[in-house]
């Protein structure tokens, strides 16, 4: 699977907040083992949601301002943004079904 594109403090506004599509941001860190476990699930979701939802990764160690702004206290954390607003949040490693149960009701249907 293709790696998830990244966003950063400097591009977050354009990449996420001004996006025409809903955006799921995967707040993670290089040293985080649960983040690495979650990665294949996030890649699967990105593929399944292609064209409907953007999925981006944000390294919390390199992007402290955005991490603090959204109150991310632990990784991994997935936040769903719709029209620039943080709508849903999933923290910690979760199975795909739990992620879908939390995020899917807020997503546009196909």
N, C-alpha and C. Protein backbone atom coordinates (compact mmCIF):
# COMPACT_ATOMS: atom_id res chain seq x y z
N UNK A 1 0.83 -1.19 0.00
CA UNK A 1 0.00 0.00 0.00
C UNK A 1 0.87 1.24 0.00
N UNK A 2 0.32 2.30 -0.53
CA UNK A 2 1.06 3.57 -0.60
C UNK A 2 1.12 4.20 0.77
N UNK A 3 2.25 4.85 1.08
CA UNK A 3 2.35 5.53 2.37
C UNK A 3 1.37 6.71 2.43
N UNK A 4 0.94 7.01 3.62
CA UNK A 4 0.01 8.13 3.85
C UNK A 4 0.79 9.44 3.71
N UNK A 5 0.27 10.40 2.93
CA UNK A 5 0.95 11.70 2.83
C UNK A 5 0.95 12.41 4.19
N UNK A 6 1.92 13.29 4.36
CA UNK A 6 2.05 14.02 5.63
C UNK A 6 1.58 15.46 5.50
N UNK A 7 1.20 16.01 6.63
CA UNK A 7 0.94 17.43 6.76
C UNK A 7 1.84 17.95 7.87
N UNK A 8 1.87 19.26 8.07
CA UNK A 8 2.77 19.85 9.06
C UNK A 8 2.14 21.12 9.63
N UNK A 9 2.79 21.69 10.63
CA UNK A 9 2.32 22.96 11.20
C UNK A 9 2.13 23.99 10.09
N UNK A 10 3.07 24.05 9.16
CA UNK A 10 3.04 25.09 8.13
C UNK A 10 2.02 24.83 7.02
N UNK A 11 1.62 23.58 6.82
CA UNK A 11 0.68 23.27 5.73
C UNK A 11 -0.69 22.82 6.23
N UNK A 12 -0.87 22.70 7.54
CA UNK A 12 -2.10 22.16 8.12
C UNK A 12 -3.33 22.95 7.70
N UNK A 13 -3.22 24.26 7.72
CA UNK A 13 -4.36 25.11 7.36
C UNK A 13 -4.86 24.79 5.95
N UNK A 14 -3.95 24.73 4.99
CA UNK A 14 -4.31 24.44 3.61
C UNK A 14 -4.71 22.97 3.44
N UNK A 15 -3.90 22.06 3.97
CA UNK A 15 -4.13 20.62 3.77
C UNK A 15 -5.41 20.12 4.44
N UNK A 16 -5.72 20.66 5.62
CA UNK A 16 -6.79 20.10 6.43
C UNK A 16 -7.97 21.07 6.59
N UNK A 17 -7.70 22.23 7.12
CA UNK A 17 -8.79 23.14 7.48
C UNK A 17 -9.52 23.73 6.28
N UNK A 18 -8.82 23.88 5.16
CA UNK A 18 -9.46 24.43 3.95
C UNK A 18 -9.81 23.37 2.92
N UNK A 19 -9.69 22.12 3.28
CA UNK A 19 -9.97 21.02 2.35
C UNK A 19 -11.46 20.95 2.02
N UNK A 20 -11.76 20.70 0.75
CA UNK A 20 -13.15 20.51 0.33
C UNK A 20 -13.69 19.17 0.82
N UNK A 21 -12.80 18.22 1.04
CA UNK A 21 -13.18 16.90 1.52
C UNK A 21 -12.97 16.80 3.02
N UNK A 22 -13.69 15.91 3.70
CA UNK A 22 -13.34 15.61 5.09
C UNK A 22 -11.91 15.09 5.13
N UNK A 23 -11.22 15.34 6.24
CA UNK A 23 -9.83 14.90 6.39
C UNK A 23 -9.67 14.17 7.72
N UNK A 24 -9.06 12.99 7.67
CA UNK A 24 -8.68 12.28 8.88
C UNK A 24 -7.18 12.48 9.04
N UNK A 25 -6.79 13.04 10.19
CA UNK A 25 -5.37 13.24 10.47
C UNK A 25 -4.94 12.21 11.51
N UNK A 26 -3.89 11.49 11.16
CA UNK A 26 -3.28 10.48 12.03
C UNK A 26 -2.12 11.16 12.76
N UNK A 27 -2.37 11.57 14.01
CA UNK A 27 -1.32 12.15 14.84
C UNK A 27 -0.50 10.99 15.39
N UNK A 28 0.79 10.96 15.03
CA UNK A 28 1.62 9.83 15.42
C UNK A 28 3.05 10.28 15.66
N UNK A 29 3.90 9.31 16.01
CA UNK A 29 5.31 9.60 16.25
C UNK A 29 6.14 8.41 15.77
N UNK A 30 7.34 8.71 15.34
CA UNK A 30 8.25 7.69 14.82
C UNK A 30 8.53 6.59 15.85
N UNK A 31 8.63 6.97 17.13
CA UNK A 31 9.00 6.05 18.20
C UNK A 31 7.82 5.25 18.75
N UNK A 32 6.62 5.53 18.26
CA UNK A 32 5.38 4.99 18.85
C UNK A 32 5.02 3.63 18.24
N UNK A 33 5.13 2.57 19.05
CA UNK A 33 4.82 1.23 18.57
C UNK A 33 3.34 1.07 18.20
N UNK A 34 2.39 1.53 19.03
CA UNK A 34 0.98 1.42 18.63
C UNK A 34 0.67 2.18 17.33
N UNK A 35 1.42 3.27 17.08
CA UNK A 35 1.23 4.01 15.82
C UNK A 35 1.60 3.13 14.63
N UNK A 36 2.69 2.40 14.78
CA UNK A 36 3.13 1.51 13.71
C UNK A 36 2.13 0.37 13.51
N UNK A 37 1.51 -0.10 14.60
CA UNK A 37 0.49 -1.14 14.50
C UNK A 37 -0.75 -0.61 13.78
N UNK A 38 -1.08 0.66 14.00
CA UNK A 38 -2.27 1.26 13.41
C UNK A 38 -2.08 1.60 11.93
N UNK A 39 -0.83 1.79 11.53
CA UNK A 39 -0.53 2.25 10.17
C UNK A 39 -1.21 1.44 9.06
N UNK A 40 -1.18 0.09 9.08
CA UNK A 40 -1.83 -0.66 8.00
C UNK A 40 -3.35 -0.43 7.97
N UNK A 41 -3.96 -0.22 9.13
CA UNK A 41 -5.40 0.04 9.18
C UNK A 41 -5.68 1.40 8.56
N UNK A 42 -4.88 2.41 8.89
CA UNK A 42 -5.06 3.75 8.34
C UNK A 42 -4.86 3.72 6.82
N UNK A 43 -3.88 2.95 6.35
CA UNK A 43 -3.66 2.82 4.91
C UNK A 43 -4.86 2.17 4.23
N UNK A 44 -5.45 1.16 4.86
CA UNK A 44 -6.64 0.51 4.31
C UNK A 44 -7.79 1.50 4.21
N UNK A 45 -8.00 2.28 5.28
CA UNK A 45 -9.08 3.26 5.28
C UNK A 45 -8.87 4.31 4.20
N UNK A 46 -7.63 4.75 4.03
CA UNK A 46 -7.32 5.75 3.00
C UNK A 46 -7.69 5.20 1.62
N UNK A 47 -7.41 3.94 1.39
CA UNK A 47 -7.74 3.31 0.11
C UNK A 47 -9.25 3.18 -0.06
N UNK A 48 -9.94 2.74 0.98
CA UNK A 48 -11.39 2.57 0.92
C UNK A 48 -12.12 3.91 0.75
N UNK A 49 -11.59 4.95 1.35
CA UNK A 49 -12.24 6.27 1.32
C UNK A 49 -11.74 7.16 0.18
N UNK A 50 -10.88 6.63 -0.66
CA UNK A 50 -10.28 7.43 -1.74
C UNK A 50 -11.36 8.18 -2.52
N UNK A 51 -11.12 9.48 -2.70
CA UNK A 51 -12.07 10.33 -3.41
C UNK A 51 -13.15 10.93 -2.54
N UNK A 52 -13.35 10.38 -1.32
CA UNK A 52 -14.38 10.89 -0.40
C UNK A 52 -13.78 11.56 0.82
N UNK A 53 -12.62 11.05 1.26
CA UNK A 53 -11.97 11.52 2.48
C UNK A 53 -10.47 11.54 2.25
N UNK A 54 -9.81 12.63 2.67
CA UNK A 54 -8.35 12.66 2.64
C UNK A 54 -7.83 12.10 3.96
N UNK A 55 -6.76 11.35 3.89
CA UNK A 55 -6.12 10.82 5.10
C UNK A 55 -4.68 11.31 5.09
N UNK A 56 -4.29 11.98 6.18
CA UNK A 56 -2.95 12.54 6.30
C UNK A 56 -2.34 12.14 7.63
N UNK A 57 -1.02 12.15 7.66
CA UNK A 57 -0.26 11.83 8.87
C UNK A 57 0.41 13.11 9.37
N UNK A 58 0.49 13.25 10.70
CA UNK A 58 1.19 14.38 11.29
C UNK A 58 2.09 13.87 12.40
N UNK A 59 3.40 14.13 12.29
CA UNK A 59 4.37 13.72 13.30
C UNK A 59 4.32 14.72 14.45
N UNK A 60 3.92 14.24 15.63
CA UNK A 60 3.74 15.15 16.77
C UNK A 60 5.04 15.78 17.26
N UNK A 61 6.14 15.09 17.08
CA UNK A 61 7.43 15.62 17.55
C UNK A 61 7.92 16.77 16.67
N UNK A 62 7.58 16.75 15.41
CA UNK A 62 8.03 17.79 14.48
C UNK A 62 6.99 18.89 14.29
N UNK A 63 5.79 18.69 14.85
CA UNK A 63 4.69 19.64 14.64
C UNK A 63 3.95 19.89 15.95
N UNK A 64 4.68 20.46 16.89
CA UNK A 64 4.18 20.64 18.25
C UNK A 64 3.00 21.63 18.30
N UNK A 65 3.04 22.68 17.51
CA UNK A 65 1.98 23.70 17.57
C UNK A 65 0.60 23.09 17.24
N UNK A 66 0.53 22.32 16.18
CA UNK A 66 -0.75 21.72 15.79
C UNK A 66 -1.16 20.65 16.80
N UNK A 67 -0.21 19.89 17.27
CA UNK A 67 -0.48 18.86 18.27
C UNK A 67 -1.10 19.49 19.52
N UNK A 68 -0.51 20.58 19.99
CA UNK A 68 -1.01 21.28 21.19
C UNK A 68 -2.37 21.92 20.91
N UNK A 69 -2.52 22.53 19.75
CA UNK A 69 -3.77 23.22 19.40
C UNK A 69 -4.97 22.28 19.50
N UNK A 70 -4.79 21.03 19.11
CA UNK A 70 -5.89 20.08 19.11
C UNK A 70 -5.87 19.15 20.32
N UNK A 71 -5.05 19.48 21.31
CA UNK A 71 -5.07 18.77 22.58
C UNK A 71 -4.73 17.30 22.49
N UNK A 72 -3.84 16.96 21.57
CA UNK A 72 -3.43 15.56 21.43
C UNK A 72 -2.45 15.24 22.56
N UNK A 73 -2.89 14.38 23.46
CA UNK A 73 -2.10 14.04 24.64
C UNK A 73 -1.42 12.68 24.53
N UNK A 74 -1.85 11.87 23.58
CA UNK A 74 -1.27 10.55 23.40
C UNK A 74 -1.38 10.15 21.94
N UNK A 75 -0.53 9.24 21.55
CA UNK A 75 -0.54 8.76 20.17
C UNK A 75 -0.67 7.25 20.16
N UNK A 76 -1.29 6.72 19.12
CA UNK A 76 -1.87 7.42 17.99
C UNK A 76 -3.21 8.07 18.35
N UNK A 77 -3.51 9.16 17.67
CA UNK A 77 -4.83 9.80 17.75
C UNK A 77 -5.26 10.14 16.34
N UNK A 78 -6.47 9.73 15.99
CA UNK A 78 -7.06 10.08 14.71
C UNK A 78 -8.11 11.15 14.96
N UNK A 79 -8.06 12.23 14.20
CA UNK A 79 -9.08 13.27 14.31
C UNK A 79 -9.69 13.49 12.93
N UNK A 80 -11.02 13.48 12.88
CA UNK A 80 -11.75 13.74 11.66
C UNK A 80 -12.12 15.22 11.61
N UNK A 81 -11.68 15.89 10.56
CA UNK A 81 -12.00 17.30 10.33
C UNK A 81 -12.98 17.40 9.18
N UNK A 82 -14.06 18.15 9.39
CA UNK A 82 -15.03 18.42 8.34
C UNK A 82 -15.24 19.93 8.30
N UNK A 83 -15.02 20.51 7.13
CA UNK A 83 -15.16 21.97 6.94
C UNK A 83 -14.36 22.74 7.99
N UNK A 84 -13.15 22.27 8.28
CA UNK A 84 -12.26 22.97 9.19
C UNK A 84 -12.51 22.73 10.67
N UNK A 85 -13.49 21.92 11.00
CA UNK A 85 -13.83 21.64 12.40
C UNK A 85 -13.44 20.22 12.78
N UNK A 86 -12.85 20.06 13.97
CA UNK A 86 -12.55 18.73 14.49
C UNK A 86 -13.87 18.13 14.97
N UNK A 87 -14.31 17.07 14.30
CA UNK A 87 -15.63 16.49 14.57
C UNK A 87 -15.59 15.23 15.45
N UNK A 88 -14.64 14.37 15.19
CA UNK A 88 -14.55 13.10 15.92
C UNK A 88 -13.09 12.81 16.23
N UNK A 89 -12.87 12.00 17.27
CA UNK A 89 -11.51 11.67 17.70
C UNK A 89 -11.48 10.22 18.18
N UNK A 90 -10.43 9.51 17.77
CA UNK A 90 -10.18 8.15 18.24
C UNK A 90 -8.75 8.14 18.77
N UNK A 91 -8.58 7.78 20.05
CA UNK A 91 -7.24 7.78 20.65
C UNK A 91 -6.80 6.37 20.98
N UNK A 92 -5.52 6.14 20.84
CA UNK A 92 -4.95 4.83 21.11
C UNK A 92 -5.18 3.87 19.96
N UNK A 93 -4.49 2.75 20.01
CA UNK A 93 -4.69 1.73 18.98
C UNK A 93 -6.10 1.17 19.13
N UNK A 94 -6.83 1.16 18.03
CA UNK A 94 -8.19 0.60 18.01
C UNK A 94 -8.30 -0.30 16.78
N UNK A 95 -9.11 -1.35 16.88
CA UNK A 95 -9.34 -2.17 15.68
C UNK A 95 -10.12 -1.37 14.64
N UNK A 96 -10.00 -1.78 13.41
CA UNK A 96 -10.64 -1.07 12.31
C UNK A 96 -12.14 -0.87 12.54
N UNK A 97 -12.82 -1.88 13.05
CA UNK A 97 -14.26 -1.80 13.27
C UNK A 97 -14.61 -0.64 14.22
N UNK A 98 -13.84 -0.49 15.29
CA UNK A 98 -14.10 0.59 16.25
C UNK A 98 -13.86 1.96 15.62
N UNK A 99 -12.85 2.06 14.79
CA UNK A 99 -12.56 3.33 14.10
C UNK A 99 -13.71 3.66 13.16
N UNK A 100 -14.15 2.67 12.40
CA UNK A 100 -15.27 2.88 11.48
C UNK A 100 -16.55 3.26 12.24
N UNK A 101 -16.81 2.58 13.35
CA UNK A 101 -18.01 2.87 14.14
C UNK A 101 -18.01 4.32 14.62
N UNK A 102 -16.83 4.85 14.93
CA UNK A 102 -16.73 6.23 15.43
C UNK A 102 -16.77 7.26 14.31
N UNK A 103 -16.04 7.01 13.21
CA UNK A 103 -15.88 8.02 12.17
C UNK A 103 -16.93 7.95 11.06
N UNK A 104 -17.33 6.75 10.66
CA UNK A 104 -18.20 6.59 9.49
C UNK A 104 -19.52 7.36 9.57
N UNK A 105 -20.20 7.44 10.73
CA UNK A 105 -21.46 8.17 10.76
C UNK A 105 -21.32 9.66 10.37
N UNK A 106 -20.14 10.24 10.52
CA UNK A 106 -19.93 11.64 10.19
C UNK A 106 -19.47 11.85 8.74
N UNK A 107 -19.16 10.76 8.05
CA UNK A 107 -18.62 10.87 6.68
C UNK A 107 -19.72 10.90 5.64
N UNK A 108 -19.45 11.58 4.50
CA UNK A 108 -20.43 11.56 3.42
C UNK A 108 -20.57 10.15 2.86
N UNK A 109 -21.77 9.82 2.44
CA UNK A 109 -21.98 8.49 1.84
C UNK A 109 -21.57 8.52 0.38
N UNK A 110 -21.33 7.35 -0.17
CA UNK A 110 -20.88 7.27 -1.56
C UNK A 110 -21.98 7.54 -2.53
